[in-house]
């Protein structure tokens, strides 16, 4: 690989809008003039001399040494994500949980204390509740809407605060700027899972958050055909996390990285339609007699709507709502949907819907579901890019199943 010992240097961040950054943020990494970047499907790369090999092996995050250390396709995606989130750099992993676990394990040690929200994605909660205690790391869980509780939880050995907003699946929000302001003077690292918002709708780093994580499987891929994770942060944090990453080996394949790159190119276009559809559908659902309550940050009825307006530019794909009639009625409603697909995940072009209590019943206890805010009649819908009238029609024909 020519000039492998001297990987391209990222230029100064450009003053681009997101629509431009996702198309041109990786242009400086082009080496062959191809409009569509090639897939570098090689696990290893050659050097021209022993000296060059030694330089490659000791250059952190080198894109042309060994794919576990970095692949040219990875670098292109990472360049775009850094531009979108406004961070110095980014890292890719093989899944969103790969990004979360790699980041946390890279930054904590025995004797450290971390603060987490009471409500997180299930596997994130399990990391703090079950895995970290094995290594002597203590966790305190607080209500993400209670800033006083967050401040009171800080200890002299608090190393980091883990945030997620909007949270899965209840769509409660965390005041990112307020938490960053209380953590920074104490040298506490703040981490935010930005999966449910996307950088189109919310930029935690601009609000003072140190590290921004994503399940890139969702909005970034956008087509339900790739599983990936992303870590956006400073160069200093990236070196520590990358070192852990090469050890744990949560490596994204070059093909999946290429699919992710292709998906990213239409992110802004998809988010514009998704935001519009989801808000319109949430407003429509509030008017339906079979619906008990709708949770969506873009609604004036959301208890944190003012905070949503303050820190978000759009409100995302996910709507949560409660169906009148309990578990059985909710199951009939979800089963009656014909256009919306009964499947997990979110952020893709197709609308997906799940009966959350039924989905998690095999992996969570009733107490855990109550803690997570998952009621028996709870539905989570990820709105896609279909025509809004067709989505309303699909829900209209399924809602009568609630009373049958």
Protein backbone atom coordinates (compact mmCIF):
# COMPACT_ATOMS: atom_id res chain seq x y z
CA UNK A 1 0.00 0.00 0.00
CA UNK A 2 1.73 3.15 -1.17
CA UNK A 3 2.61 5.75 1.47
CA UNK A 4 1.09 3.49 4.11
CA UNK A 5 3.40 4.88 6.80
CA UNK A 6 1.98 8.38 6.28
CA UNK A 7 -1.81 8.28 6.53
CA UNK A 8 -3.66 11.43 5.40
CA UNK A 9 -4.05 14.15 7.98
CA UNK A 10 -7.53 15.43 8.63
CA UNK A 11 -7.88 19.08 7.62
CA UNK A 12 -9.35 21.67 9.94
CA UNK A 13 -13.09 21.16 10.45
CA UNK A 14 -15.14 22.80 7.72
CA UNK A 15 -17.97 25.26 8.33
CA UNK A 16 -20.39 23.03 6.43
CA UNK A 17 -24.02 22.21 6.94
CA UNK A 18 -24.76 18.55 7.70
CA UNK A 19 -26.07 17.95 4.17
CA UNK A 20 -22.67 18.91 2.77
CA UNK A 21 -20.56 17.22 5.46
CA UNK A 22 -22.07 13.79 4.84
CA UNK A 23 -21.23 14.03 1.14
CA UNK A 24 -17.79 15.63 1.30
CA UNK A 25 -16.49 15.15 4.84
CA UNK A 26 -14.38 12.18 3.76
CA UNK A 27 -13.11 13.61 0.44
CA UNK A 28 -9.63 14.24 1.83
CA UNK A 29 -9.20 10.47 2.22
CA UNK A 30 -9.70 9.76 -1.49
CA UNK A 31 -6.56 8.30 -3.07
CA UNK A 32 -7.77 7.03 -6.45
CA UNK A 33 -10.30 9.57 -7.72
CA UNK A 34 -13.22 7.16 -7.47
CA UNK A 35 -16.54 8.96 -6.96
CA UNK A 36 -17.86 5.89 -5.12
CA UNK A 37 -15.24 4.81 -2.57
CA UNK A 38 -13.90 1.26 -2.98
CA UNK A 39 -14.29 -1.49 -0.40
CA UNK A 40 -10.86 -2.36 1.01
CA UNK A 41 -11.63 -5.98 1.73
CA UNK A 42 -8.24 -6.89 3.12
CA UNK A 43 -7.42 -7.98 6.65
CA UNK A 44 -3.78 -6.91 6.32
CA UNK A 45 -1.70 -4.46 4.27
CA UNK A 46 1.85 -4.67 3.04
CA UNK A 47 4.79 -2.39 3.75
CA UNK A 48 7.61 -1.56 1.33
CA UNK A 49 10.34 -1.96 3.93
CA UNK A 50 10.99 -3.12 7.49
CA UNK A 51 11.24 0.50 8.61
CA UNK A 52 7.89 1.36 7.06
CA UNK A 53 6.32 -1.71 8.68
CA UNK A 54 7.65 -0.63 12.08
CA UNK A 55 6.19 2.85 11.59
CA UNK A 56 2.83 1.40 10.58
CA UNK A 57 2.76 -0.92 13.58
CA UNK A 58 3.44 1.88 16.04
CA UNK A 59 1.16 4.52 14.49
CA UNK A 60 -2.06 4.45 16.48
CA UNK A 61 -5.26 3.90 14.47
CA UNK A 62 -3.38 3.43 11.21
CA UNK A 63 -5.78 2.74 8.32
CA UNK A 64 -3.32 0.63 6.33
CA UNK A 65 -1.70 -1.90 8.67
CA UNK A 66 -4.24 -4.45 9.87
CA UNK A 67 -8.03 -4.05 9.73
CA UNK A 68 -8.48 -4.56 13.47
CA UNK A 69 -6.34 -1.42 13.84
CA UNK A 70 -8.22 0.46 11.14
CA UNK A 71 -9.35 0.09 7.55
CA UNK A 72 -9.51 2.80 4.85
CA UNK A 73 -13.29 2.42 4.65
CA UNK A 74 -13.55 2.90 8.42
CA UNK A 75 -11.60 6.12 8.14
CA UNK A 76 -14.00 7.59 5.62
CA UNK A 77 -17.03 6.93 7.82
CA UNK A 78 -15.23 8.20 10.90
CA UNK A 79 -14.29 11.44 9.14
CA UNK A 80 -17.95 12.15 8.33
CA UNK A 81 -19.16 11.30 11.83
CA UNK A 82 -16.57 13.60 13.41
CA UNK A 83 -17.79 16.43 11.18
CA UNK A 84 -21.42 15.73 12.06
CA UNK A 85 -20.90 15.58 15.81
CA UNK A 86 -18.30 18.36 15.89
CA UNK A 87 -15.61 16.24 17.57
CA UNK A 88 -11.92 15.89 16.77
CA UNK A 89 -12.25 12.30 15.65
CA UNK A 90 -14.43 9.19 15.68
CA UNK A 91 -14.09 5.42 15.93
CA UNK A 92 -16.21 2.61 14.48
CA UNK A 93 -17.15 -0.63 16.21
CA UNK A 94 -19.15 -3.69 15.20
CA UNK A 95 -22.28 -2.65 17.14
CA UNK A 96 -23.72 0.06 19.32
CA UNK A 97 -23.04 -2.01 22.43
CA UNK A 98 -19.50 -2.54 21.14
CA UNK A 99 -19.13 1.25 21.20
CA UNK A 100 -20.65 1.60 24.69
CA UNK A 101 -18.81 -1.26 26.40
CA UNK A 102 -15.46 -0.46 24.75
CA UNK A 103 -15.69 3.19 25.79
CA UNK A 104 -16.72 2.48 29.39
CA UNK A 105 -14.12 -0.26 29.92
CA UNK A 106 -11.40 1.98 28.48
CA UNK A 107 -12.09 4.78 30.95
CA UNK A 108 -12.81 3.13 34.31
CA UNK A 109 -10.69 1.14 36.75
CA UNK A 110 -11.12 -0.62 40.08
CA UNK A 111 -12.19 1.84 42.75
CA UNK A 112 -13.90 4.22 40.32
CA UNK A 113 -17.49 5.37 40.66
CA UNK A 114 -19.83 6.05 37.77
CA UNK A 115 -23.27 7.63 37.54
CA UNK A 116 -25.85 6.20 35.15
CA UNK A 117 -29.47 6.93 34.44
CA UNK A 118 -32.13 4.76 35.98
CA UNK A 119 -33.45 4.21 32.48
CA UNK A 120 -31.07 3.14 29.72
CA UNK A 121 -31.11 0.72 26.84
CA UNK A 122 -31.37 -2.70 28.51
CA UNK A 123 -27.85 -3.91 27.66
CA UNK A 124 -26.35 -0.61 28.81
CA UNK A 125 -28.07 -1.02 32.17
CA UNK A 126 -26.78 -4.58 32.41
CA UNK A 127 -23.23 -3.36 31.84
CA UNK A 128 -23.49 -1.05 34.85
CA UNK A 129 -25.53 -3.36 37.05
CA UNK A 130 -23.83 -6.70 36.42
CA UNK A 131 -20.50 -6.35 34.59
CA UNK A 132 -18.73 -3.35 36.13
CA UNK A 133 -19.20 -4.56 39.75
CA UNK A 134 -17.15 -7.66 38.87
CA UNK A 135 -14.18 -5.34 38.28
CA UNK A 136 -14.63 -3.22 41.39
CA UNK A 137 -16.44 -0.30 39.72
CA UNK A 138 -19.40 1.13 41.65
CA UNK A 139 -22.47 2.57 39.92
CA UNK A 140 -25.18 4.92 41.16
CA UNK A 141 -28.46 5.14 39.24
CA UNK A 142 -30.48 8.35 39.18
CA UNK A 143 -33.63 9.69 37.57
CA UNK A 144 -32.38 11.43 34.44
CA UNK A 145 -34.97 14.20 34.82
CA UNK A 146 -33.76 15.09 38.35
CA UNK A 147 -30.69 17.31 38.15
CA UNK A 148 -30.49 17.65 41.94
CA UNK A 149 -30.27 13.87 42.24
CA UNK A 150 -27.57 13.80 39.57
CA UNK A 151 -25.50 16.40 41.46
CA UNK A 152 -26.03 14.64 44.80
CA UNK A 153 -24.77 11.35 43.36
CA UNK A 154 -21.30 12.77 42.58
CA UNK A 155 -18.53 11.38 44.80
CA UNK A 156 -14.81 12.20 45.05
CA UNK A 157 -14.06 9.06 42.98
CA UNK A 158 -16.73 9.64 40.33
CA UNK A 159 -15.00 9.00 37.02
CA UNK A 160 -17.79 9.41 34.48
CA UNK A 161 -21.49 10.07 33.95
CA UNK A 162 -23.38 8.03 31.35
CA UNK A 163 -26.37 9.68 29.67
CA UNK A 164 -28.94 8.67 27.06
CA UNK A 165 -31.44 11.15 25.61
CA UNK A 166 -34.12 10.61 24.47
CA UNK A 167 -34.05 7.37 26.39
CA UNK A 168 -35.21 3.99 25.12
CA UNK A 169 -38.14 3.35 25.19
CA UNK A 170 -39.95 6.04 27.22
CA UNK A 171 -38.43 9.09 25.44
CA UNK A 172 -37.62 10.90 28.69
CA UNK A 173 -34.94 13.58 28.20
CA UNK A 174 -31.73 14.54 29.98
CA UNK A 175 -30.57 18.16 30.21
CA UNK A 176 -27.18 17.67 28.54
CA UNK A 177 -25.84 21.17 29.10
CA UNK A 178 -26.76 21.14 32.78
CA UNK A 179 -25.07 17.79 33.42
CA UNK A 180 -21.96 18.85 31.50
CA UNK A 181 -21.77 22.04 33.57
CA UNK A 182 -21.80 20.14 36.85
CA UNK A 183 -19.28 17.53 35.65
CA UNK A 184 -16.62 19.65 33.94
CA UNK A 185 -15.33 21.55 37.02
CA UNK A 186 -14.82 18.22 38.78
CA UNK A 187 -12.99 16.58 35.87
CA UNK A 188 -15.74 14.00 35.38
CA UNK A 189 -16.06 12.58 31.86
CA UNK A 190 -19.53 12.84 30.36
CA UNK A 191 -20.79 10.35 27.78
CA UNK A 192 -24.06 10.60 25.85
CA UNK A 193 -25.77 7.93 23.78
CA UNK A 194 -27.20 10.03 20.94
CA UNK A 195 -28.75 7.13 19.02
CA UNK A 196 -32.40 8.14 19.40
CA UNK A 197 -31.74 11.72 18.24
CA UNK A 198 -28.95 11.56 15.62
CA UNK A 199 -26.57 14.51 15.09
CA UNK A 200 -29.10 16.00 12.69
CA UNK A 201 -31.46 16.56 15.61
CA UNK A 202 -29.08 16.94 18.55
CA UNK A 203 -25.36 17.60 19.04
CA UNK A 204 -24.34 16.73 22.62
CA UNK A 205 -20.72 17.80 22.12
CA UNK A 206 -21.87 21.35 21.36
CA UNK A 207 -23.63 21.27 24.75
CA UNK A 208 -20.44 20.29 26.59
CA UNK A 209 -20.58 16.48 26.50
CA UNK A 210 -17.15 14.85 26.11
CA UNK A 211 -17.97 11.63 24.24
CA UNK A 212 -20.94 10.90 21.96
CA UNK A 213 -21.94 7.32 21.16
CA UNK A 214 -24.26 5.82 18.57
CA UNK A 215 -25.74 2.57 17.51
CA UNK A 216 -24.90 3.28 13.86
CA UNK A 217 -27.24 0.41 13.00
CA UNK A 218 -30.08 2.89 13.32
CA UNK A 219 -30.22 6.27 11.54
CA UNK A 220 -26.71 6.15 10.08
CA UNK A 221 -27.20 2.88 8.22
CA UNK A 222 -30.83 3.76 7.63
CA UNK A 223 -31.87 0.62 5.78
CA UNK A 224 -31.92 -2.15 8.43
CA UNK A 225 -29.06 -3.95 6.66
CA UNK A 226 -25.99 -3.23 8.79
CA UNK A 227 -25.02 -3.49 12.47
CA UNK A 228 -22.42 -0.98 13.67
CA UNK A 229 -21.43 1.41 16.45
CA UNK A 230 -19.72 4.80 16.60
CA UNK A 231 -17.69 6.74 19.17
CA UNK A 232 -17.18 10.49 18.61
CA UNK A 233 -14.68 12.21 20.88
CA UNK A 234 -11.36 14.05 21.29
CA UNK A 235 -8.08 12.63 20.02
CA UNK A 236 -6.93 12.11 23.60
CA UNK A 237 -9.96 10.01 24.53
CA UNK A 238 -9.80 8.19 21.20
CA UNK A 239 -6.28 6.90 21.85
CA UNK A 240 -7.37 5.29 25.14
CA UNK A 241 -10.55 3.88 23.65
CA UNK A 242 -8.80 2.64 20.49
CA UNK A 243 -6.27 0.74 22.62
CA UNK A 244 -9.14 -1.04 24.39
CA UNK A 245 -10.90 -1.54 21.05
CA UNK A 246 -7.96 -3.41 19.52
CA UNK A 247 -7.90 -5.64 22.59
CA UNK A 248 -11.63 -6.40 22.73
CA UNK A 249 -11.87 -6.75 18.95
CA UNK A 250 -15.34 -5.32 18.24
CA UNK A 251 -14.27 -4.71 14.64
CA UNK A 252 -16.64 -3.67 11.86
CA UNK A 253 -16.14 -5.53 8.58
CA UNK A 254 -15.10 -3.45 5.53
CA UNK A 255 -18.32 -4.39 3.74
CA UNK A 256 -20.48 -3.22 6.64
CA UNK A 257 -18.43 -0.03 6.89
CA UNK A 258 -19.11 0.59 3.19
CA UNK A 259 -22.84 0.00 3.66
CA UNK A 260 -22.74 2.45 6.55
CA UNK A 261 -20.96 5.01 4.38
CA UNK A 262 -23.60 4.62 1.67
CA UNK A 263 -26.39 4.96 4.21
CA UNK A 264 -24.89 8.12 5.67
CA UNK A 265 -25.03 9.91 2.31
CA UNK A 266 -28.82 10.25 2.59
CA UNK A 267 -29.04 10.86 6.34
CA UNK A 268 -30.19 14.48 6.13
CA UNK A 269 -32.83 13.71 3.51
CA UNK A 270 -34.19 10.77 5.48
CA UNK A 271 -34.25 12.66 8.77
CA UNK A 272 -36.24 15.52 7.26
CA UNK A 273 -39.03 13.13 6.21
CA UNK A 274 -38.79 11.02 9.37
CA UNK A 275 -39.05 14.05 11.67
CA UNK A 276 -42.04 15.37 9.74
CA UNK A 277 -43.84 12.02 9.62
CA UNK A 278 -43.27 11.20 13.29
CA UNK A 279 -44.52 14.55 14.56
CA UNK A 280 -47.61 14.39 12.38
CA UNK A 281 -48.35 10.81 13.43
CA UNK A 282 -47.82 11.59 17.13
CA UNK A 283 -50.25 14.50 16.88
CA UNK A 284 -52.78 12.28 15.08
CA UNK A 285 -52.45 9.49 17.68
CA UNK A 286 -53.27 11.92 20.48
CA UNK A 287 -56.69 12.38 18.89
CA UNK A 288 -57.58 8.66 18.68
CA UNK A 289 -60.00 7.37 21.34
CA UNK A 290 -58.26 3.97 21.57
CA UNK A 291 -54.97 5.61 22.62
CA UNK A 292 -54.40 6.35 26.28
CA UNK A 293 -51.27 8.48 26.05
CA UNK A 294 -48.59 9.43 23.51
CA UNK A 295 -44.93 10.08 24.40
CA UNK A 296 -43.01 12.18 21.87
CA UNK A 297 -40.67 15.11 22.64
CA UNK A 298 -42.14 17.17 19.82
CA UNK A 299 -45.60 17.21 21.42
CA UNK A 300 -46.59 20.07 23.70
CA UNK A 301 -48.01 17.41 26.03
CA UNK A 302 -44.57 15.90 26.62
CA UNK A 303 -43.53 16.88 30.17
CA UNK A 304 -40.09 17.99 28.91
CA UNK A 305 -41.18 19.65 25.68
CA UNK A 306 -39.43 22.92 26.62
CA UNK A 307 -36.14 21.06 27.13
CA UNK A 308 -36.64 19.31 23.78
CA UNK A 309 -37.03 22.69 22.08
CA UNK A 310 -33.88 23.91 23.83
CA UNK A 311 -31.49 21.11 22.89
CA UNK A 312 -33.05 19.41 19.84
CA UNK A 313 -33.65 20.65 16.29
CA UNK A 314 -35.94 17.74 15.41
CA UNK A 315 -37.50 14.98 17.48
CA UNK A 316 -36.69 11.76 15.69
CA UNK A 317 -38.47 8.65 14.50
CA UNK A 318 -39.57 7.03 17.73
CA UNK A 319 -43.05 7.46 19.15
CA UNK A 320 -44.12 5.60 22.29
CA UNK A 321 -47.79 5.27 23.15
CA UNK A 322 -50.13 3.42 25.49
CA UNK A 323 -53.10 1.52 24.10
CA UNK A 324 -56.35 1.35 26.08
CA UNK A 325 -57.29 -2.16 27.15
CA UNK A 326 -54.06 -3.66 28.50
CA UNK A 327 -51.65 -6.30 27.24
CA UNK A 328 -54.04 -8.37 25.10
CA UNK A 329 -55.59 -5.36 23.38
CA UNK A 330 -52.14 -3.99 22.62
CA UNK A 331 -51.04 -7.32 21.15
CA UNK A 332 -54.10 -7.37 18.87
CA UNK A 333 -53.38 -3.83 17.70
CA UNK A 334 -49.73 -4.50 16.83
CA UNK A 335 -50.60 -7.78 15.12
CA UNK A 336 -53.21 -5.92 13.06
CA UNK A 337 -50.72 -3.52 11.49
CA UNK A 338 -50.13 -4.30 7.80
CA UNK A 339 -47.84 -1.52 6.54
CA UNK A 340 -45.78 -1.06 9.69
CA UNK A 341 -43.48 -4.04 10.18
CA UNK A 342 -43.55 -5.89 13.50
CA UNK A 343 -39.79 -5.80 14.19
CA UNK A 344 -37.21 -4.34 16.56
CA UNK A 345 -34.73 -1.51 15.79
CA UNK A 346 -35.38 2.04 14.60
CA UNK A 347 -34.20 4.78 12.29
CA UNK A 348 -34.61 3.01 8.96
CA UNK A 349 -36.66 3.85 5.91
CA UNK A 350 -39.43 1.41 6.85
CA UNK A 351 -41.80 1.99 9.77
CA UNK A 352 -41.39 -0.59 12.54
CA UNK A 353 -43.57 -1.28 15.57
CA UNK A 354 -43.15 -3.47 18.65
CA UNK A 355 -45.26 -4.30 21.68
CA UNK A 356 -42.47 -3.55 24.14
CA UNK A 357 -43.75 -5.62 27.07
CA UNK A 358 -44.05 -8.67 24.82
CA UNK A 359 -40.63 -8.03 23.29
CA UNK A 360 -38.77 -7.79 26.61
CA UNK A 361 -40.77 -10.36 28.60
CA UNK A 362 -38.28 -13.12 27.82
CA UNK A 363 -35.20 -11.15 28.90
CA UNK A 364 -36.44 -8.83 31.67
CA UNK A 365 -38.26 -9.50 34.93
CA UNK A 366 -41.50 -7.68 35.69
CA UNK A 367 -39.62 -5.52 38.21
CA UNK A 368 -36.99 -4.59 35.62
CA UNK A 369 -39.69 -3.63 33.13
CA UNK A 370 -41.37 -1.43 35.73
CA UNK A 371 -38.06 0.28 36.47
CA UNK A 372 -37.54 0.85 32.75
CA UNK A 373 -41.04 2.32 32.45
CA UNK A 374 -42.33 -0.48 30.19
CA UNK A 375 -46.06 -0.85 30.81
CA UNK A 376 -48.10 -3.85 29.54
CA UNK A 377 -49.90 -1.64 26.99
CA UNK A 378 -46.81 0.16 25.68
CA UNK A 379 -46.01 0.35 21.94
CA UNK A 380 -42.80 1.69 20.42
CA UNK A 381 -43.02 2.77 16.82
CA UNK A 382 -40.12 3.90 14.63
CA UNK A 383 -41.62 6.00 11.86
CA UNK A 384 -40.12 5.67 8.39
CA UNK A 385 -40.32 7.64 5.16
CA UNK A 386 -43.64 6.28 3.81
CA UNK A 387 -46.38 8.76 2.92
CA UNK A 388 -48.00 10.03 6.09
CA UNK A 389 -51.53 9.35 4.81
CA UNK A 390 -50.68 5.68 4.27
CA UNK A 391 -49.25 5.39 7.79
CA UNK A 392 -52.40 6.93 9.30
CA UNK A 393 -54.54 4.56 7.25
CA UNK A 394 -52.61 1.55 8.51
CA UNK A 395 -53.04 2.56 12.14
CA UNK A 396 -56.71 3.41 11.50
CA UNK A 397 -57.48 -0.10 10.28
CA UNK A 398 -55.58 -1.69 13.21
CA UNK A 399 -57.01 0.41 16.06
CA UNK A 400 -60.47 -1.27 15.99
CA UNK A 401 -58.68 -4.50 17.03
CA UNK A 402 -58.22 -2.94 20.49
CA UNK A 403 -61.91 -3.36 21.34
CA UNK A 404 -62.55 -6.66 19.52
